[in-house]
Amino acid sequence: MDGAHDMGGVAGFGPVEPERDEPVFHADWERRAFALTLAMGKPGGWTIDMSRFARENRPPADYLVMSYYQIWLAGLERLMAERDLVQPDEIAAGRALHPASPRPALSRDEVAPVLARGAPTTRPAQAPARFAPGDRVRARDLTTPAHTRLPAYVRGHVGVVDLMHGCHVFADASAAGAGEAPQWLYTVRFDARELWGDDTTAGAVSVDAWESYLEPLDGEGGRHK
């Protein structure tokens, strides 16, 4: 979606400054928020894309003052509330006030196998790829209140297809509960000057983009219509 989370390339936020030797978790509650999100995915039945949308779909005034795992916890509350796994009074109280759901959460013994197995997103191709490495393409200049993985800073700009990754679950459809709708996935390289002008000190930026995010330039690309 178009929101505060999509801050890549936005002026005024300053440089990215990684924390030296940053731990995975800064406090025990962050570890717990991560574990709860994993555990509740089993009874909740949400996809990773639904989970991402629940985290990014927050008012800017909230998103910009929350820490990383505060956003995770807020997203989990939203996902659980949408599926009647928690009630508003329980969120306010911070504890269970009603009978537990009969749908069991992920158990401790299931965690390691689930994480090791992952959830592959590759799917059989339903149609030939429209683009190939070397094609020049334009990222669609779209706006949406729904989930999208196309960064705002590349929209409307021209790049070159570098790699093809096969067909993958389309995140936008998955986040909306509209099925997998697999599409071809590409890595597209954008010259930094195309994105930010001649004053940039960067060289290029690569973005993974589904086929529907891209359009051929006039007279170029487009292996099939």
Protein backbone atom coordinates (compact mmCIF):
# COMPACT_ATOMS: atom_id res chain seq x y z
CA MET A 1 0.00 0.00 0.00
CA ASP A 2 1.01 3.65 -0.20
CA GLY A 3 1.88 4.56 3.36
CA ALA A 4 4.54 5.62 5.84
CA HIS A 5 6.31 2.26 5.63
CA ASP A 6 7.33 2.95 2.01
CA MET A 7 10.04 5.46 2.93
CA GLY A 8 12.83 4.28 0.64
CA GLY A 9 14.37 7.23 -1.18
CA VAL A 10 12.15 9.75 0.63
CA ALA A 11 13.88 13.04 1.49
CA GLY A 12 14.23 14.09 5.11
CA PHE A 13 14.84 10.75 6.82
CA GLY A 14 18.63 10.91 6.70
CA PRO A 15 21.03 8.05 5.98
CA VAL A 16 20.48 4.46 7.06
CA GLU A 17 22.81 3.85 10.00
CA PRO A 18 22.99 0.16 10.95
CA GLU A 19 23.52 -0.61 14.62
CA ARG A 20 26.93 -2.16 15.18
CA ASP A 21 26.67 -5.78 16.39
CA GLU A 22 22.90 -5.41 16.62
CA PRO A 23 21.25 -8.30 18.47
CA VAL A 24 18.32 -10.15 16.95
CA PHE A 25 16.16 -8.98 19.86
CA HIS A 26 16.77 -5.96 22.08
CA ALA A 27 14.43 -7.15 24.83
CA ASP A 28 12.57 -10.30 25.86
CA TRP A 29 9.21 -8.83 24.84
CA GLU A 30 10.46 -8.53 21.24
CA ARG A 31 11.35 -12.22 21.21
CA ARG A 32 7.88 -12.97 22.56
CA ALA A 33 6.14 -10.79 19.95
CA PHE A 34 7.99 -12.64 17.18
CA ALA A 35 7.15 -16.05 18.69
CA LEU A 36 3.47 -15.17 19.11
CA THR A 37 3.22 -14.05 15.50
CA LEU A 38 4.62 -17.39 14.34
CA ALA A 39 2.51 -19.44 16.74
CA MET A 40 -0.78 -17.73 15.87
CA GLY A 41 -0.28 -18.15 12.13
CA LYS A 42 -1.50 -21.75 12.48
CA PRO A 43 -4.98 -21.04 13.91
CA GLY A 44 -5.20 -17.71 12.08
CA GLY A 45 -4.44 -19.14 8.68
CA TRP A 46 -2.97 -15.90 7.35
CA THR A 47 -0.26 -15.74 4.69
CA ILE A 48 3.03 -13.90 5.01
CA ASP A 49 1.60 -11.22 2.71
CA MET A 50 -1.45 -10.74 4.93
CA SER A 51 0.91 -10.43 7.87
CA ARG A 52 2.98 -7.78 6.10
CA PHE A 53 -0.14 -5.82 5.15
CA ALA A 54 -1.37 -5.88 8.75
CA ARG A 55 1.93 -4.31 9.85
CA GLU A 56 2.18 -1.66 7.16
CA ASN A 57 -1.52 -0.70 7.25
CA ARG A 58 -1.16 1.78 10.10
CA PRO A 59 -1.67 5.56 10.26
CA PRO A 60 1.64 7.39 9.61
CA ALA A 61 1.45 9.07 13.03
CA ASP A 62 1.53 5.59 14.61
CA TYR A 63 3.94 3.87 12.24
CA LEU A 64 6.66 6.50 12.47
CA VAL A 65 6.87 6.45 16.27
CA MET A 66 6.66 2.68 16.73
CA SER A 67 9.69 0.41 17.00
CA TYR A 68 10.05 -2.60 14.69
CA TYR A 69 8.49 -5.11 17.05
CA GLN A 70 5.84 -2.69 18.27
CA ILE A 71 4.64 -2.69 14.67
CA TRP A 72 4.76 -6.50 14.64
CA LEU A 73 2.67 -6.66 17.80
CA ALA A 74 0.12 -4.18 16.46
CA GLY A 75 -0.13 -6.18 13.25
CA LEU A 76 -0.66 -9.40 15.20
CA GLU A 77 -3.47 -7.81 17.19
CA ARG A 78 -5.15 -6.78 13.95
CA LEU A 79 -4.81 -10.24 12.38
CA MET A 80 -6.18 -11.97 15.48
CA ALA A 81 -9.05 -9.52 15.88
CA GLU A 82 -10.09 -9.99 12.25
CA ARG A 83 -10.40 -13.73 12.89
CA ASP A 84 -12.09 -13.51 16.31
CA LEU A 85 -9.03 -14.97 18.04
CA VAL A 86 -8.94 -12.05 20.47
CA GLN A 87 -11.49 -9.51 21.68
CA PRO A 88 -10.99 -5.75 22.13
CA ASP A 89 -11.30 -5.99 25.92
CA GLU A 90 -8.53 -8.61 25.99
CA ILE A 91 -6.20 -6.37 23.97
CA ALA A 92 -6.93 -3.49 26.36
CA ALA A 93 -6.35 -5.68 29.42
CA GLY A 94 -3.30 -7.45 28.02
CA ARG A 95 -4.57 -10.86 29.08
CA ALA A 96 -7.14 -13.52 28.21
CA LEU A 97 -10.69 -12.76 29.40
CA HIS A 98 -12.66 -15.27 27.33
CA PRO A 99 -12.45 -19.01 26.58
CA ALA A 100 -9.55 -19.95 24.33
CA SER A 101 -10.12 -20.70 20.67
CA PRO A 102 -10.45 -24.42 19.89
CA ARG A 103 -7.94 -23.92 17.08
CA PRO A 104 -4.51 -24.75 18.54
CA ALA A 105 -1.51 -22.49 18.04
CA LEU A 106 1.85 -23.72 16.80
CA SER A 107 3.44 -25.81 19.53
CA ARG A 108 7.05 -25.58 20.69
CA ASP A 109 7.93 -28.87 18.98
CA GLU A 110 6.53 -27.64 15.67
CA VAL A 111 8.54 -24.41 15.51
CA ALA A 112 11.89 -25.73 14.28
CA PRO A 113 10.39 -27.95 11.53
CA VAL A 114 8.14 -25.13 10.32
CA LEU A 115 11.00 -22.63 10.15
CA ALA A 116 13.30 -25.15 8.46
CA ARG A 117 10.65 -26.09 5.90
CA GLY A 118 9.68 -22.53 5.07
CA ALA A 119 6.94 -21.82 2.57
CA PRO A 120 8.25 -21.89 -1.02
CA THR A 121 6.44 -19.44 -3.29
CA THR A 122 7.47 -20.86 -6.68
CA ARG A 123 4.62 -22.10 -8.86
CA PRO A 124 4.26 -23.59 -12.37
CA ALA A 125 4.10 -21.02 -15.15
CA GLN A 126 0.67 -20.50 -16.66
CA ALA A 127 1.93 -18.45 -19.62
CA PRO A 128 5.24 -17.53 -21.30
CA ALA A 129 7.25 -14.75 -19.70
CA ARG A 130 6.57 -11.35 -21.20
CA PHE A 131 10.08 -10.02 -20.56
CA ALA A 132 13.64 -11.33 -20.73
CA PRO A 133 17.03 -10.18 -19.42
CA GLY A 134 18.16 -7.08 -21.26
CA ASP A 135 14.66 -5.72 -21.88
CA ARG A 136 14.05 -2.13 -20.92
CA VAL A 137 10.83 -1.74 -18.95
CA ARG A 138 8.95 0.94 -17.09
CA ALA A 139 7.61 0.35 -13.59
CA ARG A 140 3.92 1.17 -13.59
CA ASP A 141 3.01 4.45 -11.95
CA LEU A 142 0.36 2.94 -9.71
CA THR A 143 -1.25 4.01 -6.45
CA THR A 144 -3.09 1.60 -4.21
CA PRO A 145 -4.63 1.37 -0.74
CA ALA A 146 -3.89 -2.37 -0.82
CA HIS A 147 -0.64 -4.31 -0.39
CA THR A 148 2.05 -4.00 -3.05
CA ARG A 149 5.75 -4.83 -3.18
CA LEU A 150 6.54 -2.16 -5.80
CA PRO A 151 8.44 0.68 -4.07
CA ALA A 152 7.11 4.16 -4.73
CA TYR A 153 10.52 5.51 -5.74
CA VAL A 154 10.73 3.31 -8.88
CA ARG A 155 7.17 3.87 -10.12
CA GLY A 156 7.08 5.53 -13.50
CA HIS A 157 10.82 5.01 -14.02
CA VAL A 158 12.71 3.00 -16.63
CA GLY A 159 14.96 0.07 -15.75
CA VAL A 160 16.51 -3.02 -17.31
CA VAL A 161 15.53 -6.63 -16.60
CA ASP A 162 18.59 -8.37 -15.14
CA LEU A 163 17.22 -11.72 -13.96
CA MET A 164 14.20 -13.99 -14.25
CA HIS A 165 13.12 -15.92 -11.15
CA GLY A 166 10.31 -18.06 -12.53
CA CYS A 167 6.68 -17.78 -11.39
CA HIS A 168 5.86 -16.94 -7.78
CA VAL A 169 2.79 -16.33 -5.65
CA PHE A 170 1.67 -12.76 -6.36
CA ALA A 171 1.96 -10.92 -3.04
CA ASP A 172 -0.75 -8.36 -3.83
CA ALA A 173 -3.36 -11.06 -4.42
CA SER A 174 -2.21 -13.17 -1.48
CA ALA A 175 -2.43 -10.22 0.92
CA ALA A 176 -6.02 -9.56 -0.17
CA GLY A 177 -7.09 -13.18 0.32
CA ALA A 178 -7.62 -13.47 -3.44
CA GLY A 179 -5.62 -16.64 -3.95
CA GLU A 180 -2.07 -17.09 -5.20
CA ALA A 181 -2.44 -15.72 -8.76
CA PRO A 182 1.18 -16.60 -9.61
CA GLN A 183 3.13 -14.33 -11.95
CA TRP A 184 6.60 -14.18 -13.42
CA LEU A 185 9.07 -12.43 -11.14
CA TYR A 186 12.04 -10.39 -12.37
CA THR A 187 14.96 -8.43 -10.95
CA VAL A 188 14.97 -4.99 -12.57
CA ARG A 189 17.98 -2.68 -12.28
CA PHE A 190 17.36 1.08 -12.16
CA ASP A 191 20.15 3.60 -12.67
CA ALA A 192 20.21 5.83 -9.60
CA ARG A 193 20.24 8.97 -11.76
CA GLU A 194 17.00 7.81 -13.36
CA LEU A 195 15.44 7.69 -9.90
CA TRP A 196 16.98 10.70 -8.12
CA GLY A 197 18.72 12.87 -10.70
CA ASP A 198 22.35 13.71 -11.38
CA ASP A 199 23.16 14.75 -7.80
CA THR A 200 22.95 11.20 -6.44
CA THR A 201 26.12 9.42 -5.33
CA ALA A 202 24.55 5.97 -5.76
CA GLY A 203 25.12 3.75 -8.77
CA ALA A 204 22.07 1.57 -9.28
CA VAL A 205 19.19 -0.02 -7.38
CA SER A 206 17.79 -3.49 -8.09
CA VAL A 207 14.15 -4.32 -7.36
CA ASP A 208 12.32 -7.65 -7.61
CA ALA A 209 9.11 -6.97 -9.53
CA TRP A 210 6.19 -9.10 -10.62
CA GLU A 211 5.19 -8.97 -14.26
CA SER A 212 2.05 -6.88 -13.70
CA TYR A 213 4.22 -4.17 -12.13
CA LEU A 214 6.02 -3.65 -15.44
CA GLU A 215 5.20 -2.42 -18.91
CA PRO A 216 7.34 -2.48 -22.05
CA LEU A 217 8.63 0.74 -23.50
CA ASP A 218 7.09 1.70 -26.83
CA GLY A 219 8.54 -0.60 -29.44
CA GLU A 220 10.58 -2.59 -26.92
CA GLY A 221 10.19 -5.75 -24.86
CA GLY A 222 6.99 -7.71 -24.51
CA ARG A 223 7.48 -11.29 -25.58
CA HIS A 224 3.74 -11.93 -25.80
CA LYS A 225 0.57 -9.86 -25.54
